Amino acid sequence: MKIYYDKDVDALYIELGNKKPDGVIEIAEGVNLDTTEDGKIVGIEILNASQKIDLRTVLSYSLKVSKKDLWQILTKESLRRANVA
C-alpha cells in the first residue's frame, strides 16, 4: 500500500495494489474507488481530503508487533548479520 497526498489540490490517493484501474466508482462526493475489470479495488481517491479526514492519522503510521514476533525478527536479523560477518 502506498499513500500519496498532493497539498496543492488537497487530494489523497491510497494505492492498494500494482494493477492498473479500469473503472471508477464514486461512493460519496469526492470519494472514488478505482477498480479493475474483475471488480477488485486497487485505489481510493479522496478529493478535498483535509476537509473529510484528519490527514495526520493517514500520513503517519505505527507498527504493532507482539513481543514474540519482535523476538523472532531480531533473532533472524542477528543470525543474518552473523553469517555476513
C-alpha atoms as a PDB file:
ATOM      1  CA  MET A   1       0.000   0.000   0.000  1.00  0.00           C
ATOM      2  CA  LYS A   2       1.239   3.455  -0.878  1.00  0.00           C
ATOM      3  CA  ILE A   3      -0.286   6.778   0.121  1.00  0.00           C
ATOM      4  CA  TYR A   4       0.126   9.959  -1.883  1.00  0.00           C
ATOM      5  CA  TYR A   5      -1.013  13.433  -0.895  1.00  0.00           C
ATOM      6  CA  ASP A   6      -0.969  16.481  -3.161  1.00  0.00           C
ATOM      7  CA  LYS A   7      -1.431  19.521  -0.972  1.00  0.00           C
ATOM      8  CA  ASP A   8      -1.729  21.867  -3.979  1.00  0.00           C
ATOM      9  CA  VAL A   9      -5.069  20.264  -4.882  1.00  0.00           C
ATOM     10  CA  ASP A  10      -5.809  18.699  -1.447  1.00  0.00           C
ATOM     11  CA  ALA A  11      -6.128  15.203  -2.903  1.00  0.00           C
ATOM     12  CA  LEU A  12      -5.204  11.950  -1.173  1.00  0.00           C
ATOM     13  CA  TYR A  13      -4.665   8.714  -3.080  1.00  0.00           C
ATOM     14  CA  ILE A  14      -4.286   5.323  -1.444  1.00  0.00           C
ATOM     15  CA  GLU A  15      -2.796   2.775  -3.831  1.00  0.00           C
ATOM     16  CA  LEU A  16      -3.811  -0.740  -2.801  1.00  0.00           C
ATOM     17  CA  GLY A  17      -2.011  -2.776  -5.419  1.00  0.00           C
ATOM     18  CA  ASN A  18       0.026  -2.750  -8.604  1.00  0.00           C
ATOM     19  CA  LYS A  19      -2.836  -3.386 -11.020  1.00  0.00           C
ATOM     20  CA  LYS A  20      -3.985  -0.579 -13.275  1.00  0.00           C
ATOM     21  CA  PRO A  21      -7.571   0.574 -12.684  1.00  0.00           C
ATOM     22  CA  ASP A  22     -10.126   0.070 -15.433  1.00  0.00           C
ATOM     23  CA  GLY A  23     -13.010   1.935 -13.819  1.00  0.00           C
ATOM     24  CA  VAL A  24     -14.077   4.297 -11.074  1.00  0.00           C
ATOM     25  CA  ILE A  25     -16.936   4.094  -8.599  1.00  0.00           C
ATOM     26  CA  GLU A  26     -17.896   7.283  -6.787  1.00  0.00           C
ATOM     27  CA  ILE A  27     -19.037   6.241  -3.311  1.00  0.00           C
ATOM     28  CA  ALA A  28     -19.535   9.767  -1.979  1.00  0.00           C
ATOM     29  CA  GLU A  29     -18.928  13.248  -3.311  1.00  0.00           C
ATOM     30  CA  GLY A  30     -15.195  13.422  -3.957  1.00  0.00           C
ATOM     31  CA  VAL A  31     -14.510   9.863  -2.762  1.00  0.00           C
ATOM     32  CA  ASN A  32     -13.741   7.423  -5.559  1.00  0.00           C
ATOM     33  CA  LEU A  33     -12.754   3.775  -5.727  1.00  0.00           C
ATOM     34  CA  ASP A  34     -10.505   2.725  -8.597  1.00  0.00           C
ATOM     35  CA  THR A  35     -11.421  -0.786  -9.718  1.00  0.00           C
ATOM     36  CA  THR A  36     -10.228  -3.438 -12.141  1.00  0.00           C
ATOM     37  CA  GLU A  37     -12.383  -5.199 -14.727  1.00  0.00           C
ATOM     38  CA  ASP A  38     -12.996  -8.031 -12.276  1.00  0.00           C
ATOM     39  CA  GLY A  39     -14.219  -5.671  -9.537  1.00  0.00           C
ATOM     40  CA  LYS A  40     -11.117  -5.543  -7.331  1.00  0.00           C
ATOM     41  CA  ILE A  41     -10.433  -2.232  -5.575  1.00  0.00           C
ATOM     42  CA  VAL A  42      -6.914  -1.013  -6.416  1.00  0.00           C
ATOM     43  CA  GLY A  43      -7.085   2.571  -5.195  1.00  0.00           C
ATOM     44  CA  ILE A  44      -9.017   5.127  -3.189  1.00  0.00           C
ATOM     45  CA  GLU A  45      -9.072   8.801  -4.143  1.00  0.00           C
ATOM     46  CA  ILE A  46     -10.277  11.463  -1.715  1.00  0.00           C
ATOM     47  CA  LEU A  47     -10.714  14.987  -3.041  1.00  0.00           C
ATOM     48  CA  ASN A  48     -10.752  17.897  -0.571  1.00  0.00           C
ATOM     49  CA  ALA A  49      -9.110  15.375   1.729  1.00  0.00           C
ATOM     50  CA  SER A  50      -8.268  17.767   4.574  1.00  0.00           C
ATOM     51  CA  GLN A  51     -11.979  18.579   4.853  1.00  0.00           C
ATOM     52  CA  LYS A  52     -13.013  14.915   5.045  1.00  0.00           C
ATOM     53  CA  ILE A  53     -10.358  13.202   7.189  1.00  0.00           C
ATOM     54  CA  ASP A  54      -7.637  14.011   9.690  1.00  0.00           C
ATOM     55  CA  LEU A  55      -4.578  13.853   7.432  1.00  0.00           C
ATOM     56  CA  ARG A  56      -2.264  13.392  10.419  1.00  0.00           C
ATOM     57  CA  THR A  57      -3.746   9.935  11.013  1.00  0.00           C
ATOM     58  CA  VAL A  58      -3.334   8.874   7.387  1.00  0.00           C
ATOM     59  CA  LEU A  59       0.090  10.394   6.739  1.00  0.00           C
ATOM     60  CA  SER A  60       1.676   8.856   9.824  1.00  0.00           C
ATOM     61  CA  TYR A  61       1.892   5.245  10.823  1.00  0.00           C
ATOM     62  CA  SER A  62       2.654   2.956  13.693  1.00  0.00           C
ATOM     63  CA  LEU A  63       3.561  -0.681  13.729  1.00  0.00           C
ATOM     64  CA  LYS A  64       2.317  -3.001  16.429  1.00  0.00           C
ATOM     65  CA  VAL A  65       4.379  -6.141  16.876  1.00  0.00           C
ATOM     66  CA  SER A  66       3.972  -8.715  19.601  1.00  0.00           C
ATOM     67  CA  LYS A  67       6.982  -9.468  21.791  1.00  0.00           C
ATOM     68  CA  LYS A  68       7.123 -12.962  20.316  1.00  0.00           C
ATOM     69  CA  ASP A  69       7.188 -11.660  16.728  1.00  0.00           C
ATOM     70  CA  LEU A  70       9.713  -8.963  17.602  1.00  0.00           C
ATOM     71  CA  TRP A  71      11.987 -11.575  19.168  1.00  0.00           C
ATOM     72  CA  GLN A  72      11.764 -13.701  16.009  1.00  0.00           C
ATOM     73  CA  ILE A  73      12.567 -10.715  13.801  1.00  0.00           C
ATOM     74  CA  LEU A  74      15.545  -9.685  15.922  1.00  0.00           C
ATOM     75  CA  THR A  75      16.845 -13.256  16.117  1.00  0.00           C
ATOM     76  CA  LYS A  76      16.648 -13.688  12.332  1.00  0.00           C
ATOM     77  CA  GLU A  77      18.428 -10.361  11.799  1.00  0.00           C
ATOM     78  CA  SER A  78      21.168 -11.307  14.290  1.00  0.00           C
ATOM     79  CA  LEU A  79      21.684 -14.646  12.525  1.00  0.00           C
ATOM     80  CA  ARG A  80      21.776 -12.947   9.127  1.00  0.00           C
ATOM     81  CA  ARG A  81      24.422 -10.472  10.316  1.00  0.00           C
ATOM     82  CA  ALA A  82      26.482 -13.259  11.906  1.00  0.00           C
ATOM     83  CA  ASN A  83      26.544 -15.117   8.565  1.00  0.00           C
ATOM     84  CA  VAL A  84      27.626 -11.994   6.715  1.00  0.00           C
ATOM     85  CA  ALA A  85      30.482 -11.114   9.090  1.00  0.00           C
END
